[in-house]
C-alpha atoms as a PDB file:
ATOM      1  CA  MET A   1      15.700  -3.562 -36.477  1.00  0.00           C
ATOM      2  CA  ALA A   2      16.001   0.047 -37.662  1.00  0.00           C
ATOM      3  CA  VAL A   3      13.293   1.097 -35.091  1.00  0.00           C
ATOM      4  CA  LEU A   4      15.221  -0.794 -32.323  1.00  0.00           C
ATOM      5  CA  ASN A   5      18.572   0.845 -33.382  1.00  0.00           C
ATOM      6  CA  PHE A   6      16.885   4.300 -33.250  1.00  0.00           C
ATOM      7  CA  GLN A   7      15.426   3.630 -29.712  1.00  0.00           C
ATOM      8  CA  THR A   8      18.835   2.520 -28.576  1.00  0.00           C
ATOM      9  CA  ALA A   9      20.389   5.658 -29.936  1.00  0.00           C
ATOM     10  CA  VAL A  10      17.819   7.919 -28.327  1.00  0.00           C
ATOM     11  CA  SER A  11      18.270   6.028 -24.990  1.00  0.00           C
ATOM     12  CA  LEU A  12      22.034   6.609 -25.174  1.00  0.00           C
ATOM     13  CA  ILE A  13      21.521  10.389 -25.897  1.00  0.00           C
ATOM     14  CA  TYR A  14      18.690  10.763 -23.569  1.00  0.00           C
ATOM     15  CA  PRO A  15      18.966   8.109 -20.811  1.00  0.00           C
ATOM     16  CA  PRO A  16      16.052   7.644 -18.483  1.00  0.00           C
ATOM     17  CA  ARG A  17      16.037   9.881 -15.461  1.00  0.00           C
ATOM     18  CA  CYS A  18      14.714   9.492 -11.920  1.00  0.00           C
ATOM     19  CA  LEU A  19      11.486  11.388 -11.467  1.00  0.00           C
ATOM     20  CA  GLY A  20      12.639  12.615  -8.060  1.00  0.00           C
ATOM     21  CA  CYS A  21      16.289  13.633  -8.377  1.00  0.00           C
ATOM     22  CA  GLY A  22      17.125  13.456 -12.101  1.00  0.00           C
ATOM     23  CA  ASP A  23      19.769  10.571 -11.737  1.00  0.00           C
ATOM     24  CA  THR A  24      19.988   8.013 -14.365  1.00  0.00           C
ATOM     25  CA  VAL A  25      17.638   4.955 -13.948  1.00  0.00           C
ATOM     26  CA  GLU A  26      16.903   1.794 -15.862  1.00  0.00           C
ATOM     27  CA  SER A  27      13.607   2.783 -17.358  1.00  0.00           C
ATOM     28  CA  ASP A  28      11.368   5.845 -18.059  1.00  0.00           C
ATOM     29  CA  PHE A  29       9.228   7.251 -15.388  1.00  0.00           C
ATOM     30  CA  GLY A  30      11.227   5.427 -12.646  1.00  0.00           C
ATOM     31  CA  LEU A  31      12.641   6.311  -9.230  1.00  0.00           C
ATOM     32  CA  CYS A  32      16.257   5.706  -8.179  1.00  0.00           C
ATOM     33  CA  GLY A  33      16.858   3.668  -5.050  1.00  0.00           C
ATOM     34  CA  SER A  34      17.239   6.667  -2.854  1.00  0.00           C
ATOM     35  CA  CYS A  35      14.051   8.327  -4.020  1.00  0.00           C
ATOM     36  CA  TRP A  36      12.140   5.037  -3.841  1.00  0.00           C
ATOM     37  CA  ALA A  37      13.236   4.751  -0.254  1.00  0.00           C
ATOM     38  CA  GLU A  38      11.898   8.276   0.521  1.00  0.00           C
ATOM     39  CA  THR A  39       8.565   7.627  -1.219  1.00  0.00           C
ATOM     40  CA  ALA A  40       5.928   6.240   1.246  1.00  0.00           C
ATOM     41  CA  PHE A  41       3.504   4.044  -0.643  1.00  0.00           C
ATOM     42  CA  VAL A  42       0.104   3.453   1.106  1.00  0.00           C
ATOM     43  CA  GLY A  43      -0.208   0.026   2.421  1.00  0.00           C
ATOM     44  CA  GLY A  44      -0.920  -2.118   5.464  1.00  0.00           C
ATOM     45  CA  ALA A  45      -3.956  -1.492   7.598  1.00  0.00           C
ATOM     46  CA  LEU A  46      -6.061   1.270   6.037  1.00  0.00           C
ATOM     47  CA  CYS A  47      -9.359   3.009   6.508  1.00  0.00           C
ATOM     48  CA  ASP A  48     -11.528   1.505   3.725  1.00  0.00           C
ATOM     49  CA  THR A  49     -13.143   4.863   3.120  1.00  0.00           C
ATOM     50  CA  CYS A  50     -10.407   7.426   3.196  1.00  0.00           C
ATOM     51  CA  SER A  51      -7.239   5.248   2.991  1.00  0.00           C
ATOM     52  CA  ILE A  52      -5.571   6.813   6.071  1.00  0.00           C
ATOM     53  CA  PRO A  53      -3.095   4.379   7.611  1.00  0.00           C
ATOM     54  CA  LEU A  54      -4.403   2.672  10.833  1.00  0.00           C
ATOM     55  CA  PRO A  55      -2.510   0.844  13.623  1.00  0.00           C
ATOM     56  CA  GLY A  56      -2.123  -2.898  13.087  1.00  0.00           C
ATOM     57  CA  GLU A  57      -1.652  -5.322  10.267  1.00  0.00           C
ATOM     58  CA  SER A  58      -3.581  -5.534   6.916  1.00  0.00           C
ATOM     59  CA  SER A  59      -6.495  -8.006   6.948  1.00  0.00           C
ATOM     60  CA  ASP A  60      -9.625  -8.882   4.979  1.00  0.00           C
ATOM     61  CA  GLU A  61     -11.701  -7.094   7.647  1.00  0.00           C
ATOM     62  CA  LEU A  62     -13.030  -3.680   6.489  1.00  0.00           C
ATOM     63  CA  LEU A  63     -11.526  -0.901   8.784  1.00  0.00           C
ATOM     64  CA  HIS A  64     -12.765   2.640   9.267  1.00  0.00           C
ATOM     65  CA  CYS A  65     -11.008   5.597  10.968  1.00  0.00           C
ATOM     66  CA  ASP A  66     -12.633   7.691  13.740  1.00  0.00           C
ATOM     67  CA  ASP A  67     -13.215  10.665  11.336  1.00  0.00           C
ATOM     68  CA  CYS A  68     -15.113   8.474   8.792  1.00  0.00           C
ATOM     69  CA  MET A  69     -17.189   6.878  11.498  1.00  0.00           C
ATOM     70  CA  ILE A  70     -18.067  10.254  13.134  1.00  0.00           C
ATOM     71  CA  THR A  71     -18.723  12.064   9.743  1.00  0.00           C
ATOM     72  CA  PRO A  72     -19.712   9.551   7.049  1.00  0.00           C
ATOM     73  CA  ARG A  73     -18.349  10.287   3.624  1.00  0.00           C
ATOM     74  CA  PRO A  74     -20.635  10.557   0.474  1.00  0.00           C
ATOM     75  CA  TRP A  75     -18.381   8.095  -1.308  1.00  0.00           C
ATOM     76  CA  VAL A  76     -18.371   4.393  -0.777  1.00  0.00           C
ATOM     77  CA  LYS A  77     -14.608   3.610  -0.829  1.00  0.00           C
ATOM     78  CA  GLY A  78     -11.458   5.542  -1.162  1.00  0.00           C
ATOM     79  CA  ARG A  79      -7.835   4.778  -2.096  1.00  0.00           C
ATOM     80  CA  SER A  80      -4.593   6.679  -2.338  1.00  0.00           C
ATOM     81  CA  ALA A  81      -1.149   5.698  -3.759  1.00  0.00           C
ATOM     82  CA  LEU A  82       1.290   7.633  -1.642  1.00  0.00           C
ATOM     83  CA  LEU A  83       1.576   9.447   1.644  1.00  0.00           C
ATOM     84  CA  TYR A  84       1.889  13.135   1.234  1.00  0.00           C
ATOM     85  CA  ARG A  85       5.421  13.448   2.789  1.00  0.00           C
ATOM     86  CA  ASP A  86       9.087  13.303   1.738  1.00  0.00           C
ATOM     87  CA  ASN A  87       9.371  12.373  -1.920  1.00  0.00           C
ATOM     88  CA  GLY A  88       5.693  11.771  -2.303  1.00  0.00           C
ATOM     89  CA  ARG A  89       4.910  15.456  -1.441  1.00  0.00           C
ATOM     90  CA  ARG A  90       7.771  16.551  -3.781  1.00  0.00           C
ATOM     91  CA  LEU A  91       6.210  14.649  -6.595  1.00  0.00           C
ATOM     92  CA  VAL A  92       2.756  15.991  -5.989  1.00  0.00           C
ATOM     93  CA  LEU A  93       4.024  19.533  -5.947  1.00  0.00           C
ATOM     94  CA  ALA A  94       6.131  18.953  -9.019  1.00  0.00           C
ATOM     95  CA  LEU A  95       3.123  17.881 -10.911  1.00  0.00           C
ATOM     96  CA  LYS A  96       0.791  20.565  -9.502  1.00  0.00           C
ATOM     97  CA  HIS A  97       3.000  23.679  -9.599  1.00  0.00           C
ATOM     98  CA  GLY A  98       6.221  22.573 -11.411  1.00  0.00           C
ATOM     99  CA  ASP A  99       4.826  21.735 -14.922  1.00  0.00           C
ATOM    100  CA  ARG A 100       6.111  18.180 -14.462  1.00  0.00           C
ATOM    101  CA  GLN A 101       3.178  16.686 -16.356  1.00  0.00           C
ATOM    102  CA  GLU A 102       5.062  13.462 -17.086  1.00  0.00           C
ATOM    103  CA  ILE A 103       4.699  12.485 -13.359  1.00  0.00           C
ATOM    104  CA  ALA A 104       1.046  11.628 -14.070  1.00  0.00           C
ATOM    105  CA  VAL A 105       2.025   8.566 -16.039  1.00  0.00           C
ATOM    106  CA  PRO A 106       3.833   6.623 -13.178  1.00  0.00           C
ATOM    107  CA  ALA A 107       1.319   8.079 -10.691  1.00  0.00           C
ATOM    108  CA  ALA A 108      -1.487   6.446 -12.674  1.00  0.00           C
ATOM    109  CA  GLY A 109       0.216   3.128 -12.444  1.00  0.00           C
ATOM    110  CA  TRP A 110       0.560   3.512  -8.655  1.00  0.00           C
ATOM    111  CA  MET A 111      -3.021   4.615  -8.447  1.00  0.00           C
ATOM    112  CA  ALA A 112      -4.264   1.667 -10.547  1.00  0.00           C
ATOM    113  CA  ARG A 113      -2.643  -0.677  -8.109  1.00  0.00           C
ATOM    114  CA  ALA A 114      -4.356   1.137  -5.176  1.00  0.00           C
ATOM    115  CA  ILE A 115      -7.811   0.601  -6.701  1.00  0.00           C
ATOM    116  CA  SER A 116      -7.304  -2.896  -7.803  1.00  0.00           C
ATOM    117  CA  ASP A 117      -9.711  -4.167  -5.204  1.00  0.00           C
ATOM    118  CA  LEU A 118     -12.514  -1.847  -6.018  1.00  0.00           C
ATOM    119  CA  PRO A 119     -15.589  -2.996  -7.957  1.00  0.00           C
ATOM    120  CA  LEU A 120     -14.973  -1.009 -11.150  1.00  0.00           C
ATOM    121  CA  LYS A 121     -17.552  -2.466 -13.604  1.00  0.00           C
ATOM    122  CA  ASP A 122     -19.317   0.261 -15.675  1.00  0.00           C
ATOM    123  CA  VAL A 123     -17.531   2.971 -13.653  1.00  0.00           C
ATOM    124  CA  ILE A 124     -16.770   6.301 -15.294  1.00  0.00           C
ATOM    125  CA  VAL A 125     -13.576   8.160 -14.317  1.00  0.00           C
ATOM    126  CA  ALA A 126     -13.789  11.948 -13.695  1.00  0.00           C
ATOM    127  CA  PRO A 127     -11.260  14.421 -12.217  1.00  0.00           C
ATOM    128  CA  VAL A 128     -12.029  17.098  -9.623  1.00  0.00           C
ATOM    129  CA  PRO A 129     -12.426  20.190 -11.574  1.00  0.00           C
ATOM    130  CA  LEU A 130     -10.540  23.564 -11.443  1.00  0.00           C
ATOM    131  CA  HIS A 131     -12.302  26.878 -11.786  1.00  0.00           C
ATOM    132  CA  TRP A 132     -11.654  28.237 -15.388  1.00  0.00           C
ATOM    133  CA  THR A 133      -9.677  31.197 -14.069  1.00  0.00           C
ATOM    134  CA  ARG A 134      -7.254  28.972 -12.283  1.00  0.00           C
ATOM    135  CA  LEU A 135      -7.065  26.627 -15.193  1.00  0.00           C
ATOM    136  CA  LEU A 136      -6.224  29.535 -17.441  1.00  0.00           C
ATOM    137  CA  LYS A 137      -3.424  30.541 -15.100  1.00  0.00           C
ATOM    138  CA  ARG A 138      -2.044  27.094 -14.511  1.00  0.00           C
ATOM    139  CA  ARG A 139      -2.609  25.866 -18.164  1.00  0.00           C
ATOM    140  CA  TYR A 140      -3.638  22.297 -17.044  1.00  0.00           C
ATOM    141  CA  ASN A 141      -5.606  20.568 -14.331  1.00  0.00           C
ATOM    142  CA  GLN A 142      -3.294  18.058 -12.574  1.00  0.00           C
ATOM    143  CA  SER A 143      -6.248  15.981 -11.555  1.00  0.00           C
ATOM    144  CA  ALA A 144      -7.509  15.812 -15.150  1.00  0.00           C
ATOM    145  CA  LEU A 145      -3.965  14.518 -16.127  1.00  0.00           C
ATOM    146  CA  LEU A 146      -4.043  11.870 -13.527  1.00  0.00           C
ATOM    147  CA  ALA A 147      -7.634  10.860 -14.523  1.00  0.00           C
ATOM    148  CA  GLN A 148      -6.734  10.515 -18.234  1.00  0.00           C
ATOM    149  CA  ALA A 149      -3.521   8.624 -17.451  1.00  0.00           C
ATOM    150  CA  LEU A 150      -5.438   6.275 -15.083  1.00  0.00           C
ATOM    151  CA  ALA A 151      -8.111   5.630 -17.644  1.00  0.00           C
ATOM    152  CA  ARG A 152      -5.382   4.698 -20.235  1.00  0.00           C
ATOM    153  CA  LYS A 153      -3.741   2.399 -17.670  1.00  0.00           C
ATOM    154  CA  THR A 154      -7.035   0.643 -16.668  1.00  0.00           C
ATOM    155  CA  GLY A 155      -9.011   0.892 -19.803  1.00  0.00           C
ATOM    156  CA  LEU A 156     -11.821   2.657 -18.024  1.00  0.00           C
ATOM    157  CA  PRO A 157     -13.809   5.480 -19.765  1.00  0.00           C
ATOM    158  CA  VAL A 158     -12.986   8.965 -18.742  1.00  0.00           C
ATOM    159  CA  CYS A 159     -14.984  12.145 -18.914  1.00  0.00           C
ATOM    160  CA  PRO A 160     -12.559  15.109 -18.201  1.00  0.00           C
ATOM    161  CA  ASP A 161     -15.346  17.734 -17.953  1.00  0.00           C
ATOM    162  CA  LEU A 162     -18.000  15.637 -16.178  1.00  0.00           C
ATOM    163  CA  LEU A 163     -17.762  18.193 -13.324  1.00  0.00           C
ATOM    164  CA  ILE A 164     -17.423  21.937 -13.260  1.00  0.00           C
ATOM    165  CA  ARG A 165     -16.407  24.398 -10.618  1.00  0.00           C
ATOM    166  CA  LYS A 166     -19.067  27.052 -10.522  1.00  0.00           C
ATOM    167  CA  ARG A 167     -17.196  29.567  -8.501  1.00  0.00           C
ATOM    168  CA  ARG A 168     -13.489  30.202  -7.685  1.00  0.00           C
ATOM    169  CA  THR A 169     -12.637  29.057  -4.121  1.00  0.00           C
ATOM    170  CA  LYS A 170      -9.682  30.256  -1.998  1.00  0.00           C
ATOM    171  CA  PRO A 171      -6.694  28.048  -1.583  1.00  0.00           C
ATOM    172  CA  MET A 172      -7.270  25.821   1.489  1.00  0.00           C
ATOM    173  CA  GLU A 173      -3.758  25.942   2.990  1.00  0.00           C
ATOM    174  CA  GLY A 174      -3.977  26.962   6.586  1.00  0.00           C
ATOM    175  CA  MET A 175      -7.728  26.567   6.789  1.00  0.00           C
ATOM    176  CA  THR A 176      -9.431  24.589   9.538  1.00  0.00           C
ATOM    177  CA  ARG A 177     -11.500  21.559   8.639  1.00  0.00           C
ATOM    178  CA  ASP A 178     -14.720  23.343   9.062  1.00  0.00           C
ATOM    179  CA  LEU A 179     -13.612  26.248   6.851  1.00  0.00           C
ATOM    180  CA  ARG A 180     -12.416  23.898   4.248  1.00  0.00           C
ATOM    181  CA  PHE A 181     -15.863  22.315   3.852  1.00  0.00           C
ATOM    182  CA  ALA A 182     -17.599  25.607   3.959  1.00  0.00           C
ATOM    183  CA  SER A 183     -15.451  27.079   1.296  1.00  0.00           C
ATOM    184  CA  VAL A 184     -16.361  24.393  -1.237  1.00  0.00           C
ATOM    185  CA  LYS A 185     -19.982  23.980  -0.305  1.00  0.00           C
ATOM    186  CA  ASP A 186     -22.071  24.079  -3.568  1.00  0.00           C
ATOM    187  CA  ALA A 187     -18.988  25.002  -5.525  1.00  0.00           C
ATOM    188  CA  ILE A 188     -19.023  21.975  -7.842  1.00  0.00           C
ATOM    189  CA  SER A 189     -21.740  20.639 -10.075  1.00  0.00           C
ATOM    190  CA  VAL A 190     -22.152  18.177 -12.889  1.00  0.00           C
ATOM    191  CA  HIS A 191     -21.797  19.664 -16.344  1.00  0.00           C
ATOM    192  CA  PRO A 192     -25.345  19.879 -17.663  1.00  0.00           C
ATOM    193  CA  ARG A 193     -24.345  18.334 -21.042  1.00  0.00           C
ATOM    194  CA  ARG A 194     -22.632  15.448 -19.356  1.00  0.00           C
ATOM    195  CA  ARG A 195     -25.157  14.430 -16.851  1.00  0.00           C
ATOM    196  CA  HIS A 196     -26.414  11.619 -19.063  1.00  0.00           C
ATOM    197  CA  ARG A 197     -23.049   9.972 -18.794  1.00  0.00           C
ATOM    198  CA  LEU A 198     -23.297   9.305 -15.083  1.00  0.00           C
ATOM    199  CA  VAL A 199     -27.080   8.631 -14.368  1.00  0.00           C
ATOM    200  CA  ALA A 200     -27.227   5.397 -12.409  1.00  0.00           C
ATOM    201  CA  ARG A 201     -23.673   4.758 -13.050  1.00  0.00           C
ATOM    202  CA  PRO A 202     -20.660   4.363 -10.656  1.00  0.00           C
ATOM    203  CA  VAL A 203     -18.210   7.247 -10.698  1.00  0.00           C
ATOM    204  CA  LEU A 204     -14.533   7.170  -9.746  1.00  0.00           C
ATOM    205  CA  LEU A 205     -13.358  10.620  -8.755  1.00  0.00           C
ATOM    206  CA  VAL A 206      -9.762  11.456  -9.126  1.00  0.00           C
ATOM    207  CA  ASP A 207      -7.644  14.151  -7.368  1.00  0.00           C
ATOM    208  CA  ASP A 208      -4.052  14.812  -6.507  1.00  0.00           C
ATOM    209  CA  VAL A 209      -4.146  14.956  -2.593  1.00  0.00           C
ATOM    210  CA  LEU A 210      -6.786  14.054  -0.030  1.00  0.00           C
ATOM    211  CA  THR A 211      -6.484  16.100   3.123  1.00  0.00           C
ATOM    212  CA  SER A 212      -9.752  16.804   4.894  1.00  0.00           C
ATOM    213  CA  GLY A 213     -11.815  15.463   2.012  1.00  0.00           C
ATOM    214  CA  ALA A 214     -13.773  18.701   1.660  1.00  0.00           C
ATOM    215  CA  THR A 215     -13.286  19.073  -2.171  1.00  0.00           C
ATOM    216  CA  LEU A 216     -13.951  15.392  -2.880  1.00  0.00           C
ATOM    217  CA  THR A 217     -17.064  15.599  -0.675  1.00  0.00           C
ATOM    218  CA  ALA A 218     -18.478  18.485  -2.763  1.00  0.00           C
ATOM    219  CA  ALA A 219     -17.572  16.554  -5.964  1.00  0.00           C
ATOM    220  CA  ALA A 220     -19.160  13.377  -4.748  1.00  0.00           C
ATOM    221  CA  GLN A 221     -22.314  15.119  -3.536  1.00  0.00           C
ATOM    222  CA  ALA A 222     -22.679  16.822  -6.958  1.00  0.00           C
ATOM    223  CA  CYS A 223     -22.528  13.324  -8.637  1.00  0.00           C
ATOM    224  CA  LEU A 224     -25.119  11.846  -6.325  1.00  0.00           C
ATOM    225  CA  GLU A 225     -27.378  14.821  -6.631  1.00  0.00           C
ATOM    226  CA  ALA A 226     -27.329  14.407 -10.336  1.00  0.00           C
ATOM    227  CA  GLY A 227     -28.342  10.802 -10.152  1.00  0.00           C
ATOM    228  CA  SER A 228     -25.130   8.903 -10.330  1.00  0.00           C
ATOM    229  CA  GLY A 229     -24.571   5.433  -8.864  1.00  0.00           C
ATOM    230  CA  PRO A 230     -22.105   4.827  -5.993  1.00  0.00           C
ATOM    231  CA  VAL A 231     -19.082   7.157  -5.931  1.00  0.00           C
ATOM    232  CA  TYR A 232     -15.404   5.859  -5.334  1.00  0.00           C
ATOM    233  CA  ILE A 233     -12.397   8.127  -4.981  1.00  0.00           C
ATOM    234  CA  VAL A 234      -8.680   7.748  -5.685  1.00  0.00           C
ATOM    235  CA  THR A 235      -5.885  10.226  -5.071  1.00  0.00           C
ATOM    236  CA  MET A 236      -2.250  10.310  -5.872  1.00  0.00           C
ATOM    237  CA  ALA A 237      -1.459  11.110  -2.241  1.00  0.00           C
ATOM    238  CA  ARG A 238      -3.000  11.111   1.223  1.00  0.00           C
ATOM    239  CA  VAL A 239      -2.027  13.586   3.955  1.00  0.00           C
ATOM    240  CA  ALA A 240      -1.635  11.575   7.131  1.00  0.00           C
ATOM    241  CA  LYS A 241      -0.466  12.301  10.655  1.00  0.00           C
ATOM    242  CA  ASP A 242       2.552  10.336  11.856  1.00  0.00           C
ATOM    243  CA  ARG A 243       1.563   7.374  13.902  1.00  0.00           C
END
């Protein structure tokens, strides 16, 4: 009873706030009605490999977008929780650049629902790595926060330093697709002291945003070259053109 009274007192002094706009909401890590309406959750007909929305209705048939059919991905299946626009974009940027680390908790819940149809037996969760100089400047890796929160949500094992970024790459904003892939080629490898954790084992790679898939391709290829089992990916958000 004393604990309950203390929690009630805390909630009165510090009521839950909307992750998007800061208005009061009913529970922690929630969105108000307006922000929820501006958050585009991924759903409907999707590419099974990269999760980009496709025309038509959702069905049991496996669908693939033109990009994934023309250029096969090194991972087997991919999922995303949000579309990278409106409030989804604001949430990603707040997590990535605004030190809003608490956003990783609800994002992990959304991502857990997105991967609920994937075969996750024996899978190990790993984030896309930052170069140590960028990590030192930013103080945290948003993908690692998402991976750890997702592991707690799903009960899956996580290895935050399974992968390392061997060289610092340039920011990809404004780059063409080909330049994005060239910039991260051979930039990511498996940590030599963690390789035993992925040999012949499925890997679930976690990142904040999927755009061209260049960084996730480099990460997936590093896992496969080190002897992993099949690779799956999940991101908090997916960049997609308007239909």
